Amino acid sequence: MPLDEITTPGLIVDSAALDRNLATMAAAWPGRTLRPHVKAHKTTGIARRQAALGHTGFTCATIREVEVMAAAGLGEDLLLANEVVDMRRLGTVAASGARVTVAVDSEATVAAAVSGGVREVLIDVNVGLPRCGCPPERAGGLAEQARAAGLVVRGVMGYEGHLMHEPDAEQRRRQAAESMALLARAHADVGGDVVSGGGTGTWTANTGVTELQAGSYALMDTTYRGLTDLPFEPALTVLATVISVGDGWAVADAGLKAFGMDEGNPRLPGYLIWYCSDEHVVFSAEDGHELPAVGDRVRLEPAHIDPTCALHERMYVVDGDAIVEVWPIDMRGW
């Protein structure tokens, strides 16, 4: 199918840009030192390219992601880096032969792993982001409880998510070191081979983990591109069709239902985004640019990759303007 015939709005992945991003990260974090986070793209199409580079352990955010990855033959080592209080579905995946590890931060989640049939865990430690994770000083005791309950404690994880978009690179490095010092203290009490954490924003700042949980680097978004020290390039855009042109503005058919909006409006180079409504994005031309005509196609850059991908059913992988593959976003849902 020619690109100009697909229904809009649609996700477009530049195959060459994607491969360059994957190669850049793989050079710095080769093989199993990178545990790519599939929540960013939610498609086994990209996960297969990551696995082909030797990244055969993956990070997941939902039970659905674990199930789909295992069913796709990508279940060599799956980490659900999220607390779950009903792990029966995860136990079923583990019983099928996939390796499933889950993050725990309380007695309740340890008990859920035992009752759900999950046998391997990481102790999730709060390293500064006020979200999940036990205090560092409680990690050792929780690990003892997990082992007493018959679980294998592989190590620790801690996500310094509060630093991912810190614009000052030196500040990011300094605070990442502080967060990883907390995680190292917890790891000394917990034991195990795994120290897991980090992300795209701290891909060079975090030197304390044995495996990096980066995800957004593969496709990128305008929020991460605000960090000038990141070498990754935009590989995903939302293709939209101009459906109306007013007196100084144009309207395309991609709005709130096509973009994750928590980080703000999408970007259209050469144009100023006015606002998004349910099915519309309204924009004007900046100096040196003219408004497009009705029927023209435009490619908008999302501000946040993860929720944007979750809103769509497929990605169109392109080489120039030629569609070379179509990937279902098969890890949508819960």
C-alpha atoms as a PDB file:
ATOM      1  CA  MET A   1       0.000   0.000   0.000  1.00  0.00           C
ATOM      2  CA  PRO A   2       1.410   3.423  -0.889  1.00  0.00           C
ATOM      3  CA  LEU A   3       1.848   5.715   2.101  1.00  0.00           C
ATOM      4  CA  ASP A   4      -0.595   8.248   0.683  1.00  0.00           C
ATOM      5  CA  GLU A   5      -3.388   5.653   0.741  1.00  0.00           C
ATOM      6  CA  ILE A   6      -3.358   4.727   4.420  1.00  0.00           C
ATOM      7  CA  THR A   7      -6.158   5.927   6.672  1.00  0.00           C
ATOM      8  CA  THR A   8      -5.160   8.841   8.872  1.00  0.00           C
ATOM      9  CA  PRO A   9      -4.258   9.421  11.609  1.00  0.00           C
ATOM     10  CA  GLY A  10      -1.586   6.713  11.416  1.00  0.00           C
ATOM     11  CA  LEU A  11       1.717   5.931  13.081  1.00  0.00           C
ATOM     12  CA  ILE A  12       4.712   6.084  10.738  1.00  0.00           C
ATOM     13  CA  VAL A  13       8.063   4.564  11.708  1.00  0.00           C
ATOM     14  CA  ASP A  14      11.174   5.546   9.769  1.00  0.00           C
ATOM     15  CA  SER A  15      12.973   2.208   9.529  1.00  0.00           C
ATOM     16  CA  ALA A  16      16.425   3.707   9.034  1.00  0.00           C
ATOM     17  CA  ALA A  17      16.090   6.140  11.959  1.00  0.00           C
ATOM     18  CA  LEU A  18      14.829   3.331  14.180  1.00  0.00           C
ATOM     19  CA  ASP A  19      17.789   1.137  13.282  1.00  0.00           C
ATOM     20  CA  ARG A  20      20.242   3.971  13.960  1.00  0.00           C
ATOM     21  CA  ASN A  21      18.720   4.541  17.397  1.00  0.00           C
ATOM     22  CA  LEU A  22      18.855   0.837  18.209  1.00  0.00           C
ATOM     23  CA  ALA A  23      22.468   0.602  17.071  1.00  0.00           C
ATOM     24  CA  THR A  24      23.547   3.647  19.092  1.00  0.00           C
ATOM     25  CA  MET A  25      22.080   2.233  22.296  1.00  0.00           C
ATOM     26  CA  ALA A  26      23.391  -1.277  21.605  1.00  0.00           C
ATOM     27  CA  ALA A  27      26.932   0.058  21.214  1.00  0.00           C
ATOM     28  CA  ALA A  28      26.787   1.625  24.682  1.00  0.00           C
ATOM     29  CA  TRP A  29      24.704  -1.080  26.395  1.00  0.00           C
ATOM     30  CA  PRO A  30      25.341  -4.338  24.515  1.00  0.00           C
ATOM     31  CA  GLY A  31      23.473  -7.602  24.860  1.00  0.00           C
ATOM     32  CA  ARG A  32      21.981  -8.336  28.243  1.00  0.00           C
ATOM     33  CA  THR A  33      23.212  -5.079  29.777  1.00  0.00           C
ATOM     34  CA  LEU A  34      20.149  -3.514  28.122  1.00  0.00           C
ATOM     35  CA  ARG A  35      16.681  -4.703  29.115  1.00  0.00           C
ATOM     36  CA  PRO A  36      14.519  -2.708  26.645  1.00  0.00           C
ATOM     37  CA  HIS A  37      11.220  -1.456  28.016  1.00  0.00           C
ATOM     38  CA  VAL A  38       8.450  -2.514  25.651  1.00  0.00           C
ATOM     39  CA  LYS A  39       5.895  -0.149  27.200  1.00  0.00           C
ATOM     40  CA  ALA A  40       7.355   2.597  25.002  1.00  0.00           C
ATOM     41  CA  HIS A  41       6.376   1.013  21.681  1.00  0.00           C
ATOM     42  CA  LYS A  42       4.059  -1.885  22.648  1.00  0.00           C
ATOM     43  CA  THR A  43       4.834  -3.896  19.517  1.00  0.00           C
ATOM     44  CA  THR A  44       6.703  -7.152  19.108  1.00  0.00           C
ATOM     45  CA  GLY A  45       7.860  -5.797  15.738  1.00  0.00           C
ATOM     46  CA  ILE A  46      10.356  -3.501  17.459  1.00  0.00           C
ATOM     47  CA  ALA A  47      11.074  -6.040  20.202  1.00  0.00           C
ATOM     48  CA  ARG A  48      12.237  -8.506  17.550  1.00  0.00           C
ATOM     49  CA  ARG A  49      14.696  -5.954  16.166  1.00  0.00           C
ATOM     50  CA  GLN A  50      15.989  -5.369  19.688  1.00  0.00           C
ATOM     51  CA  ALA A  51      16.336  -9.107  20.296  1.00  0.00           C
ATOM     52  CA  ALA A  52      18.242  -9.454  17.026  1.00  0.00           C
ATOM     53  CA  LEU A  53      20.855  -7.120  18.503  1.00  0.00           C
ATOM     54  CA  GLY A  54      21.290  -9.427  21.501  1.00  0.00           C
ATOM     55  CA  HIS A  55      18.877  -7.761  23.921  1.00  0.00           C
ATOM     56  CA  THR A  56      17.011 -10.919  24.910  1.00  0.00           C
ATOM     57  CA  GLY A  57      15.783  -9.743  28.318  1.00  0.00           C
ATOM     58  CA  PHE A  58      12.863  -7.307  28.259  1.00  0.00           C
ATOM     59  CA  THR A  59      11.079  -4.985  30.659  1.00  0.00           C
ATOM     60  CA  CYS A  60       7.279  -4.920  30.695  1.00  0.00           C
ATOM     61  CA  ALA A  61       4.761  -2.648  32.408  1.00  0.00           C
ATOM     62  CA  THR A  62       1.590  -4.742  32.130  1.00  0.00           C
ATOM     63  CA  ILE A  63       0.568  -8.365  32.356  1.00  0.00           C
ATOM     64  CA  ARG A  64      -0.658  -8.126  28.770  1.00  0.00           C
ATOM     65  CA  GLU A  65       2.834  -7.167  27.612  1.00  0.00           C
ATOM     66  CA  VAL A  66       4.301 -10.204  29.386  1.00  0.00           C
ATOM     67  CA  GLU A  67       1.731 -12.514  27.815  1.00  0.00           C
ATOM     68  CA  VAL A  68       2.207 -11.219  24.276  1.00  0.00           C
ATOM     69  CA  MET A  69       5.999 -11.237  24.479  1.00  0.00           C
ATOM     70  CA  ALA A  70       6.001 -14.837  25.687  1.00  0.00           C
ATOM     71  CA  ALA A  71       3.507 -15.928  23.019  1.00  0.00           C
ATOM     72  CA  ALA A  72       5.737 -14.296  20.380  1.00  0.00           C
ATOM     73  CA  GLY A  73       8.712 -16.399  21.456  1.00  0.00           C
ATOM     74  CA  LEU A  74      10.383 -13.475  23.238  1.00  0.00           C
ATOM     75  CA  GLY A  75      10.032 -14.853  26.752  1.00  0.00           C
ATOM     76  CA  GLU A  76      13.635 -15.759  27.558  1.00  0.00           C
ATOM     77  CA  ASP A  77      13.708 -13.279  30.457  1.00  0.00           C
ATOM     78  CA  LEU A  78      10.724 -10.995  31.075  1.00  0.00           C
ATOM     79  CA  LEU A  79      10.621  -8.531  33.951  1.00  0.00           C
ATOM     80  CA  LEU A  80       7.326  -6.972  34.988  1.00  0.00           C
ATOM     81  CA  ALA A  81       8.764  -3.814  36.535  1.00  0.00           C
ATOM     82  CA  ASN A  82       5.506  -2.990  38.231  1.00  0.00           C
ATOM     83  CA  GLU A  83       3.666  -4.134  41.320  1.00  0.00           C
ATOM     84  CA  VAL A  84       0.771  -6.550  40.735  1.00  0.00           C
ATOM     85  CA  VAL A  85      -1.592  -7.912  43.365  1.00  0.00           C
ATOM     86  CA  ASP A  86      -3.084 -10.687  41.209  1.00  0.00           C
ATOM     87  CA  MET A  87      -0.350 -12.696  39.500  1.00  0.00           C
ATOM     88  CA  ARG A  88      -2.308 -15.735  38.349  1.00  0.00           C
ATOM     89  CA  ARG A  89      -1.961 -14.816  34.678  1.00  0.00           C
ATOM     90  CA  LEU A  90       1.775 -14.294  35.173  1.00  0.00           C
ATOM     91  CA  GLY A  91       1.979 -17.705  36.804  1.00  0.00           C
ATOM     92  CA  THR A  92       0.342 -19.213  33.744  1.00  0.00           C
ATOM     93  CA  VAL A  93       2.954 -17.587  31.494  1.00  0.00           C
ATOM     94  CA  ALA A  94       5.754 -18.874  33.711  1.00  0.00           C
ATOM     95  CA  ALA A  95       4.262 -22.369  33.663  1.00  0.00           C
ATOM     96  CA  SER A  96       4.313 -22.270  29.847  1.00  0.00           C
ATOM     97  CA  GLY A  97       8.117 -22.064  29.881  1.00  0.00           C
ATOM     98  CA  ALA A  98       8.816 -18.325  29.804  1.00  0.00           C
ATOM     99  CA  ARG A  99      11.003 -16.826  32.488  1.00  0.00           C
ATOM    100  CA  VAL A 100       8.972 -14.282  34.443  1.00  0.00           C
ATOM    101  CA  THR A 101      10.307 -12.008  37.171  1.00  0.00           C
ATOM    102  CA  VAL A 102       8.165  -9.429  38.947  1.00  0.00           C
ATOM    103  CA  ALA A 103       8.931  -6.376  41.061  1.00  0.00           C
ATOM    104  CA  VAL A 104       7.749  -6.492  44.678  1.00  0.00           C
ATOM    105  CA  ASP A 105       7.883  -3.783  47.338  1.00  0.00           C
ATOM    106  CA  SER A 106       5.680  -5.103  50.155  1.00  0.00           C
ATOM    107  CA  GLU A 107       4.614  -8.214  52.009  1.00  0.00           C
ATOM    108  CA  ALA A 108       1.353  -8.114  50.041  1.00  0.00           C
ATOM    109  CA  THR A 109       3.080  -8.259  46.651  1.00  0.00           C
ATOM    110  CA  VAL A 110       5.399 -11.008  47.895  1.00  0.00           C
ATOM    111  CA  ALA A 111       2.307 -12.972  48.917  1.00  0.00           C
ATOM    112  CA  ALA A 112       0.739 -12.279  45.518  1.00  0.00           C
ATOM    113  CA  ALA A 113       3.797 -13.762  43.771  1.00  0.00           C
ATOM    114  CA  VAL A 114       3.600 -16.893  45.904  1.00  0.00           C
ATOM    115  CA  SER A 115      -0.127 -17.399  45.391  1.00  0.00           C
ATOM    116  CA  GLY A 116       0.053 -16.526  41.687  1.00  0.00           C
ATOM    117  CA  GLY A 117       2.787 -19.004  40.845  1.00  0.00           C
ATOM    118  CA  VAL A 118       5.570 -16.528  40.072  1.00  0.00           C
ATOM    119  CA  ARG A 119       8.828 -17.756  41.543  1.00  0.00           C
ATOM    120  CA  GLU A 120      11.370 -14.988  40.786  1.00  0.00           C
ATOM    121  CA  VAL A 121      11.289 -11.407  42.042  1.00  0.00           C
ATOM    122  CA  LEU A 122      13.291  -8.208  42.246  1.00  0.00           C
ATOM    123  CA  ILE A 123      13.000  -6.009  45.310  1.00  0.00           C
ATOM    124  CA  ASP A 124      11.740  -2.642  44.067  1.00  0.00           C
ATOM    125  CA  VAL A 125      13.442   0.223  45.913  1.00  0.00           C
ATOM    126  CA  ASN A 126      12.386   3.866  46.108  1.00  0.00           C
ATOM    127  CA  VAL A 127      15.403   5.843  44.866  1.00  0.00           C
ATOM    128  CA  GLY A 128      13.731   9.259  44.759  1.00  0.00           C
ATOM    129  CA  LEU A 129      10.664   8.992  42.523  1.00  0.00           C
ATOM    130  CA  PRO A 130       7.607   9.052  44.815  1.00  0.00           C
ATOM    131  CA  ARG A 131       5.871   6.098  43.230  1.00  0.00           C
ATOM    132  CA  CYS A 132       6.448   2.389  43.870  1.00  0.00           C
ATOM    133  CA  GLY A 133       9.379   0.939  45.784  1.00  0.00           C
ATOM    134  CA  CYS A 134      10.163   0.198  49.414  1.00  0.00           C
ATOM    135  CA  PRO A 135      12.541   2.400  51.445  1.00  0.00           C
ATOM    136  CA  PRO A 136      16.155   1.262  50.935  1.00  0.00           C
ATOM    137  CA  GLU A 137      16.536   0.302  54.584  1.00  0.00           C
ATOM    138  CA  ARG A 138      13.611  -2.137  54.330  1.00  0.00           C
ATOM    139  CA  ALA A 139      14.795  -3.927  51.188  1.00  0.00           C
ATOM    140  CA  GLY A 140      16.895  -6.539  52.984  1.00  0.00           C
ATOM    141  CA  GLY A 141      14.089  -7.530  55.324  1.00  0.00           C
ATOM    142  CA  LEU A 142      11.644  -7.852  52.433  1.00  0.00           C
ATOM    143  CA  ALA A 143      14.135 -10.031  50.565  1.00  0.00           C
ATOM    144  CA  GLU A 144      14.378 -12.315  53.598  1.00  0.00           C
ATOM    145  CA  GLN A 145      10.591 -12.618  53.705  1.00  0.00           C
ATOM    146  CA  ALA A 146      10.491 -13.433  49.992  1.00  0.00           C
ATOM    147  CA  ARG A 147      13.130 -16.149  50.315  1.00  0.00           C
ATOM    148  CA  ALA A 148      11.404 -17.579  53.378  1.00  0.00           C
ATOM    149  CA  ALA A 149       8.249 -17.832  51.267  1.00  0.00           C
ATOM    150  CA  GLY A 150      10.116 -19.899  48.668  1.00  0.00           C
ATOM    151  CA  LEU A 151      10.846 -17.175  46.132  1.00  0.00           C
ATOM    152  CA  VAL A 152      14.107 -16.567  44.298  1.00  0.00           C
ATOM    153  CA  VAL A 153      15.275 -12.990  44.825  1.00  0.00           C
ATOM    154  CA  ARG A 154      17.339 -12.079  41.766  1.00  0.00           C
ATOM    155  CA  GLY A 155      18.370  -8.656  43.057  1.00  0.00           C
ATOM    156  CA  VAL A 156      16.985  -5.120  43.139  1.00  0.00           C
ATOM    157  CA  MET A 157      15.534  -2.492  40.863  1.00  0.00           C
ATOM    158  CA  GLY A 158      15.124   1.223  41.313  1.00  0.00           C
ATOM    159  CA  TYR A 159      13.827   3.738  38.786  1.00  0.00           C
ATOM    160  CA  GLU A 160      15.090   7.307  38.928  1.00  0.00           C
ATOM    161  CA  GLY A 161      12.188   8.495  36.786  1.00  0.00           C
ATOM    162  CA  HIS A 162      12.185  11.924  38.396  1.00  0.00           C
ATOM    163  CA  LEU A 163      15.474  12.607  36.576  1.00  0.00           C
ATOM    164  CA  MET A 164      14.617  11.456  33.051  1.00  0.00           C
ATOM    165  CA  HIS A 165      13.806  14.930  31.739  1.00  0.00           C
ATOM    166  CA  GLU A 166      16.180  16.997  33.867  1.00  0.00           C
ATOM    167  CA  PRO A 167      17.574  19.458  31.281  1.00  0.00           C
ATOM    168  CA  ASP A 168      20.952  19.998  32.963  1.00  0.00           C
ATOM    169  CA  ALA A 169      23.138  17.010  32.057  1.00  0.00           C
ATOM    170  CA  GLU A 170      25.531  17.529  34.970  1.00  0.00           C
ATOM    171  CA  GLN A 171      22.651  17.784  37.422  1.00  0.00           C
ATOM    172  CA  ARG A 172      21.196  14.614  35.943  1.00  0.00           C
ATOM    173  CA  ARG A 173      24.488  12.779  36.453  1.00  0.00           C
ATOM    174  CA  ARG A 174      24.898  14.001  40.008  1.00  0.00           C
ATOM    175  CA  GLN A 175      21.366  13.104  41.061  1.00  0.00           C
ATOM    176  CA  ALA A 176      21.537   9.753  39.267  1.00  0.00           C
ATOM    177  CA  ALA A 177      24.617   8.920  41.327  1.00  0.00           C
ATOM    178  CA  GLU A 178      22.714   9.818  44.493  1.00  0.00           C
ATOM    179  CA  SER A 179      19.808   7.576  43.481  1.00  0.00           C
ATOM    180  CA  MET A 180      22.101   4.698  42.609  1.00  0.00           C
ATOM    181  CA  ALA A 181      23.893   5.042  45.954  1.00  0.00           C
ATOM    182  CA  LEU A 182      20.526   4.323  47.597  1.00  0.00           C
ATOM    183  CA  LEU A 183      20.031   1.331  45.319  1.00  0.00           C
ATOM    184  CA  ALA A 184      23.550   0.048  46.011  1.00  0.00           C
ATOM    185  CA  ARG A 185      22.893   0.228  49.747  1.00  0.00           C
ATOM    186  CA  ALA A 186      19.736  -1.803  49.300  1.00  0.00           C
ATOM    187  CA  HIS A 187      21.505  -4.279  47.019  1.00  0.00           C
ATOM    188  CA  ALA A 188      24.158  -4.906  49.663  1.00  0.00           C
ATOM    189  CA  ASP A 189      21.376  -6.081  51.985  1.00  0.00           C
ATOM    190  CA  VAL A 190      19.363  -7.953  49.361  1.00  0.00           C
ATOM    191  CA  GLY A 191      22.039  -9.708  47.313  1.00  0.00           C
ATOM    192  CA  GLY A 192      21.507 -11.253  43.891  1.00  0.00           C
ATOM    193  CA  ASP A 193      23.066 -10.657  40.490  1.00  0.00           C
ATOM    194  CA  VAL A 194      20.654  -8.035  39.134  1.00  0.00           C
ATOM    195  CA  VAL A 195      20.678  -4.286  39.687  1.00  0.00           C
ATOM    196  CA  SER A 196      18.049  -2.974  37.276  1.00  0.00           C
ATOM    197  CA  GLY A 197      16.927   0.572  36.533  1.00  0.00           C
ATOM    198  CA  GLY A 198      17.542   3.664  34.486  1.00  0.00           C
ATOM    199  CA  GLY A 199      16.024   4.847  31.259  1.00  0.00           C
ATOM    200  CA  THR A 200      16.573   6.846  28.108  1.00  0.00           C
ATOM    201  CA  GLY A 201      17.236  10.098  29.969  1.00  0.00           C
ATOM    202  CA  THR A 202      19.955   8.572  32.176  1.00  0.00           C
ATOM    203  CA  TRP A 203      21.459   6.210  29.606  1.00  0.00           C
ATOM    204  CA  THR A 204      24.930   7.651  30.212  1.00  0.00           C
ATOM    205  CA  ALA A 205      24.355   9.195  33.649  1.00  0.00           C
ATOM    206  CA  ASN A 206      23.442   5.917  35.334  1.00  0.00           C
ATOM    207  CA  THR A 207      26.567   3.867  35.958  1.00  0.00           C
ATOM    208  CA  GLY A 208      25.210   1.875  38.886  1.00  0.00           C
ATOM    209  CA  VAL A 209      22.979  -0.702  37.214  1.00  0.00           C
ATOM    210  CA  THR A 210      23.827  -4.038  35.653  1.00  0.00           C
ATOM    211  CA  GLU A 211      20.983  -3.594  33.156  1.00  0.00           C
ATOM    212  CA  LEU A 212      19.344  -0.459  31.775  1.00  0.00           C
ATOM    213  CA  GLN A 213      15.556  -0.342  31.317  1.00  0.00           C
ATOM    214  CA  ALA A 214      15.457   2.207  28.477  1.00  0.00           C
ATOM    215  CA  GLY A 215      12.536   2.235  26.039  1.00  0.00           C
ATOM    216  CA  SER A 216      11.820   5.622  24.466  1.00  0.00           C
ATOM    217  CA  TYR A 217      15.231   5.785  22.774  1.00  0.00           C
ATOM    218  CA  ALA A 218      13.971   3.553  19.951  1.00  0.00           C
ATOM    219  CA  LEU A 219      11.351   5.982  18.641  1.00  0.00           C
ATOM    220  CA  MET A 220      11.898   9.195  20.654  1.00  0.00           C
ATOM    221  CA  ASP A 221       9.527  12.082  21.263  1.00  0.00           C
ATOM    222  CA  THR A 222       9.785  15.847  21.530  1.00  0.00           C
ATOM    223  CA  THR A 223      10.078  15.794  25.334  1.00  0.00           C
ATOM    224  CA  TYR A 224      13.190  13.618  25.288  1.00  0.00           C
ATOM    225  CA  ARG A 225      14.554  15.541  22.333  1.00  0.00           C
ATOM    226  CA  GLY A 226      14.614  18.578  24.630  1.00  0.00           C
ATOM    227  CA  LEU A 227      17.659  16.963  26.251  1.00  0.00           C
ATOM    228  CA  THR A 228      20.375  18.218  23.955  1.00  0.00           C
ATOM    229  CA  ASP A 229      22.893  15.570  25.021  1.00  0.00           C
ATOM    230  CA  LEU A 230      20.810  12.646  23.717  1.00  0.00           C
ATOM    231  CA  PRO A 231      21.975  11.344  20.305  1.00  0.00           C
ATOM    232  CA  PHE A 232      18.727   9.592  19.388  1.00  0.00           C
ATOM    233  CA  GLU A 233      16.596  10.914  16.534  1.00  0.00           C
ATOM    234  CA  PRO A 234      12.833  11.014  15.952  1.00  0.00           C
ATOM    235  CA  ALA A 235      11.782   7.769  14.302  1.00  0.00           C
ATOM    236  CA  LEU A 236       8.019   7.951  14.795  1.00  0.00           C
ATOM    237  CA  THR A 237       5.527  10.505  13.540  1.00  0.00           C
ATOM    238  CA  VAL A 238       1.752  10.664  13.306  1.00  0.00           C
ATOM    239  CA  LEU A 239       0.588  11.056   9.731  1.00  0.00           C
ATOM    240  CA  ALA A 240      -2.457  13.306   9.410  1.00  0.00           C
ATOM    241  CA  THR A 241      -4.515  14.728   6.533  1.00  0.00           C
ATOM    242  CA  VAL A 242      -5.362  18.413   6.252  1.00  0.00           C
ATOM    243  CA  ILE A 243      -9.160  18.567   6.213  1.00  0.00           C
ATOM    244  CA  SER A 244      -9.835  22.314   6.394  1.00  0.00           C
ATOM    245  CA  VAL A 245      -8.014  25.601   5.832  1.00  0.00           C
ATOM    246  CA  GLY A 246      -9.182  28.813   7.422  1.00  0.00           C
ATOM    247  CA  ASP A 247      -8.065  32.424   7.306  1.00  0.00           C
ATOM    248  CA  GLY A 248      -4.549  31.930   8.646  1.00  0.00           C
ATOM    249  CA  TRP A 249      -4.848  28.421  10.040  1.00  0.00           C
ATOM    250  CA  ALA A 250      -5.230  24.815   8.941  1.00  0.00           C
ATOM    251  CA  VAL A 251      -6.838  21.763  10.521  1.00  0.00           C
ATOM    252  CA  ALA A 252      -5.613  18.170  10.292  1.00  0.00           C
ATOM    253  CA  ASP A 253      -7.403  15.003  11.389  1.00  0.00           C
ATOM    254  CA  ALA A 254      -5.233  14.001  14.372  1.00  0.00           C
ATOM    255  CA  GLY A 255      -6.233  15.233  17.795  1.00  0.00           C
ATOM    256  CA  LEU A 256      -6.508  14.136  21.395  1.00  0.00           C
ATOM    257  CA  LYS A 257      -7.405  10.577  20.367  1.00  0.00           C
ATOM    258  CA  ALA A 258      -4.188  10.235  18.348  1.00  0.00           C
ATOM    259  CA  PHE A 259      -1.603  11.674  20.768  1.00  0.00           C
ATOM    260  CA  GLY A 260      -0.543  11.209  24.357  1.00  0.00           C
ATOM    261  CA  MET A 261      -1.057  14.765  25.584  1.00  0.00           C
ATOM    262  CA  ASP A 262       0.390  14.655  29.104  1.00  0.00           C
ATOM    263  CA  GLU A 263       3.609  16.320  27.888  1.00  0.00           C
ATOM    264  CA  GLY A 264       1.832  18.877  25.727  1.00  0.00           C
ATOM    265  CA  ASN A 265       1.010  19.409  22.079  1.00  0.00           C
ATOM    266  CA  PRO A 266       2.651  17.550  19.204  1.00  0.00           C
ATOM    267  CA  ARG A 267       5.186  19.381  17.059  1.00  0.00           C
ATOM    268  CA  LEU A 268       4.993  20.149  13.347  1.00  0.00           C
ATOM    269  CA  PRO A 269       8.251  21.704  12.098  1.00  0.00           C
ATOM    270  CA  GLY A 270       7.627  25.027  10.370  1.00  0.00           C
ATOM    271  CA  TYR A 271       4.236  25.485  11.993  1.00  0.00           C
ATOM    272  CA  LEU A 272       2.770  26.650  15.295  1.00  0.00           C
ATOM    273  CA  ILE A 273       0.314  24.271  16.957  1.00  0.00           C
ATOM    274  CA  TRP A 274      -2.643  26.185  18.348  1.00  0.00           C
ATOM    275  CA  TYR A 275      -4.499  23.369  20.067  1.00  0.00           C
ATOM    276  CA  CYS A 276      -5.800  19.814  19.785  1.00  0.00           C
ATOM    277  CA  SER A 277      -9.415  18.756  20.153  1.00  0.00           C
ATOM    278  CA  ASP A 278     -10.845  15.248  19.917  1.00  0.00           C
ATOM    279  CA  GLU A 279     -10.189  14.646  16.203  1.00  0.00           C
ATOM    280  CA  HIS A 280      -8.450  17.869  15.187  1.00  0.00           C
ATOM    281  CA  VAL A 281      -5.127  19.645  15.423  1.00  0.00           C
ATOM    282  CA  VAL A 282      -5.200  23.338  14.510  1.00  0.00           C
ATOM    283  CA  PHE A 283      -2.029  25.112  13.422  1.00  0.00           C
ATOM    284  CA  SER A 284      -0.671  28.153  11.611  1.00  0.00           C
ATOM    285  CA  ALA A 285       2.415  28.689   9.474  1.00  0.00           C
ATOM    286  CA  GLU A 286       5.609  30.189  10.856  1.00  0.00           C
ATOM    287  CA  ASP A 287       7.651  32.692   8.844  1.00  0.00           C
ATOM    288  CA  GLY A 288       8.894  31.208   5.582  1.00  0.00           C
ATOM    289  CA  HIS A 289       6.204  28.550   5.394  1.00  0.00           C
ATOM    290  CA  GLU A 290       2.833  28.410   3.706  1.00  0.00           C
ATOM    291  CA  LEU A 291      -0.277  26.694   4.918  1.00  0.00           C
ATOM    292  CA  PRO A 292      -0.882  23.307   3.305  1.00  0.00           C
ATOM    293  CA  ALA A 293      -3.917  22.684   1.130  1.00  0.00           C
ATOM    294  CA  VAL A 294      -6.890  20.488   1.922  1.00  0.00           C
ATOM    295  CA  GLY A 295      -5.876  16.902   1.223  1.00  0.00           C
ATOM    296  CA  ASP A 296      -2.179  17.427   1.946  1.00  0.00           C
ATOM    297  CA  ARG A 297      -0.507  15.071   4.415  1.00  0.00           C
ATOM    298  CA  VAL A 298       1.582  16.260   7.371  1.00  0.00           C
ATOM    299  CA  ARG A 299       3.718  14.323   9.882  1.00  0.00           C
ATOM    300  CA  LEU A 300       3.471  15.441  13.482  1.00  0.00           C
ATOM    301  CA  GLU A 301       5.954  14.534  16.221  1.00  0.00           C
ATOM    302  CA  PRO A 302       4.333  13.384  19.495  1.00  0.00           C
ATOM    303  CA  ALA A 303       5.401  14.834  22.825  1.00  0.00           C
ATOM    304  CA  HIS A 304       5.157  11.449  24.603  1.00  0.00           C
ATOM    305  CA  ILE A 305       5.734   8.220  22.715  1.00  0.00           C
ATOM    306  CA  ASP A 306       4.320   5.686  25.184  1.00  0.00           C
ATOM    307  CA  PRO A 307       0.666   6.782  25.417  1.00  0.00           C
ATOM    308  CA  THR A 308       0.671   7.805  21.753  1.00  0.00           C
ATOM    309  CA  CYS A 309       1.533   4.272  20.627  1.00  0.00           C
ATOM    310  CA  ALA A 310      -1.081   2.811  22.970  1.00  0.00           C
ATOM    311  CA  LEU A 311      -3.813   4.772  21.160  1.00  0.00           C
ATOM    312  CA  HIS A 312      -3.178   3.153  17.767  1.00  0.00           C
ATOM    313  CA  GLU A 313      -3.664  -0.335  16.335  1.00  0.00           C
ATOM    314  CA  ARG A 314      -0.647  -0.560  14.028  1.00  0.00           C
ATOM    315  CA  MET A 315       2.573   1.066  12.872  1.00  0.00           C
ATOM    316  CA  TYR A 316       3.508   1.549   9.237  1.00  0.00           C
ATOM    317  CA  VAL A 317       7.251   1.035   8.785  1.00  0.00           C
ATOM    318  CA  VAL A 318       8.598   3.076   5.898  1.00  0.00           C
ATOM    319  CA  ASP A 319      11.714   3.431   3.796  1.00  0.00           C
ATOM    320  CA  GLY A 320      11.307   6.922   2.431  1.00  0.00           C
ATOM    321  CA  ASP A 321       7.663   6.971   1.324  1.00  0.00           C
ATOM    322  CA  ALA A 322       7.439   3.219   0.714  1.00  0.00           C
ATOM    323  CA  ILE A 323       5.736   1.041   3.318  1.00  0.00           C
ATOM    324  CA  VAL A 324       7.978  -1.968   3.930  1.00  0.00           C
ATOM    325  CA  GLU A 325       6.238  -3.524   6.940  1.00  0.00           C
ATOM    326  CA  VAL A 326       3.100  -3.139   9.022  1.00  0.00           C
ATOM    327  CA  TRP A 327       3.428  -3.973  12.725  1.00  0.00           C
ATOM    328  CA  PRO A 328       0.363  -4.514  14.896  1.00  0.00           C
ATOM    329  CA  ILE A 329       0.601  -2.768  18.238  1.00  0.00           C
ATOM    330  CA  ASP A 330      -0.097  -6.127  19.766  1.00  0.00           C
ATOM    331  CA  MET A 331       0.699  -5.287  23.397  1.00  0.00           C
ATOM    332  CA  ARG A 332      -2.114  -2.761  23.807  1.00  0.00           C
ATOM    333  CA  GLY A 333      -4.505  -3.349  26.684  1.00  0.00           C
ATOM    334  CA  TRP A 334      -4.078  -4.863  30.086  1.00  0.00           C
END
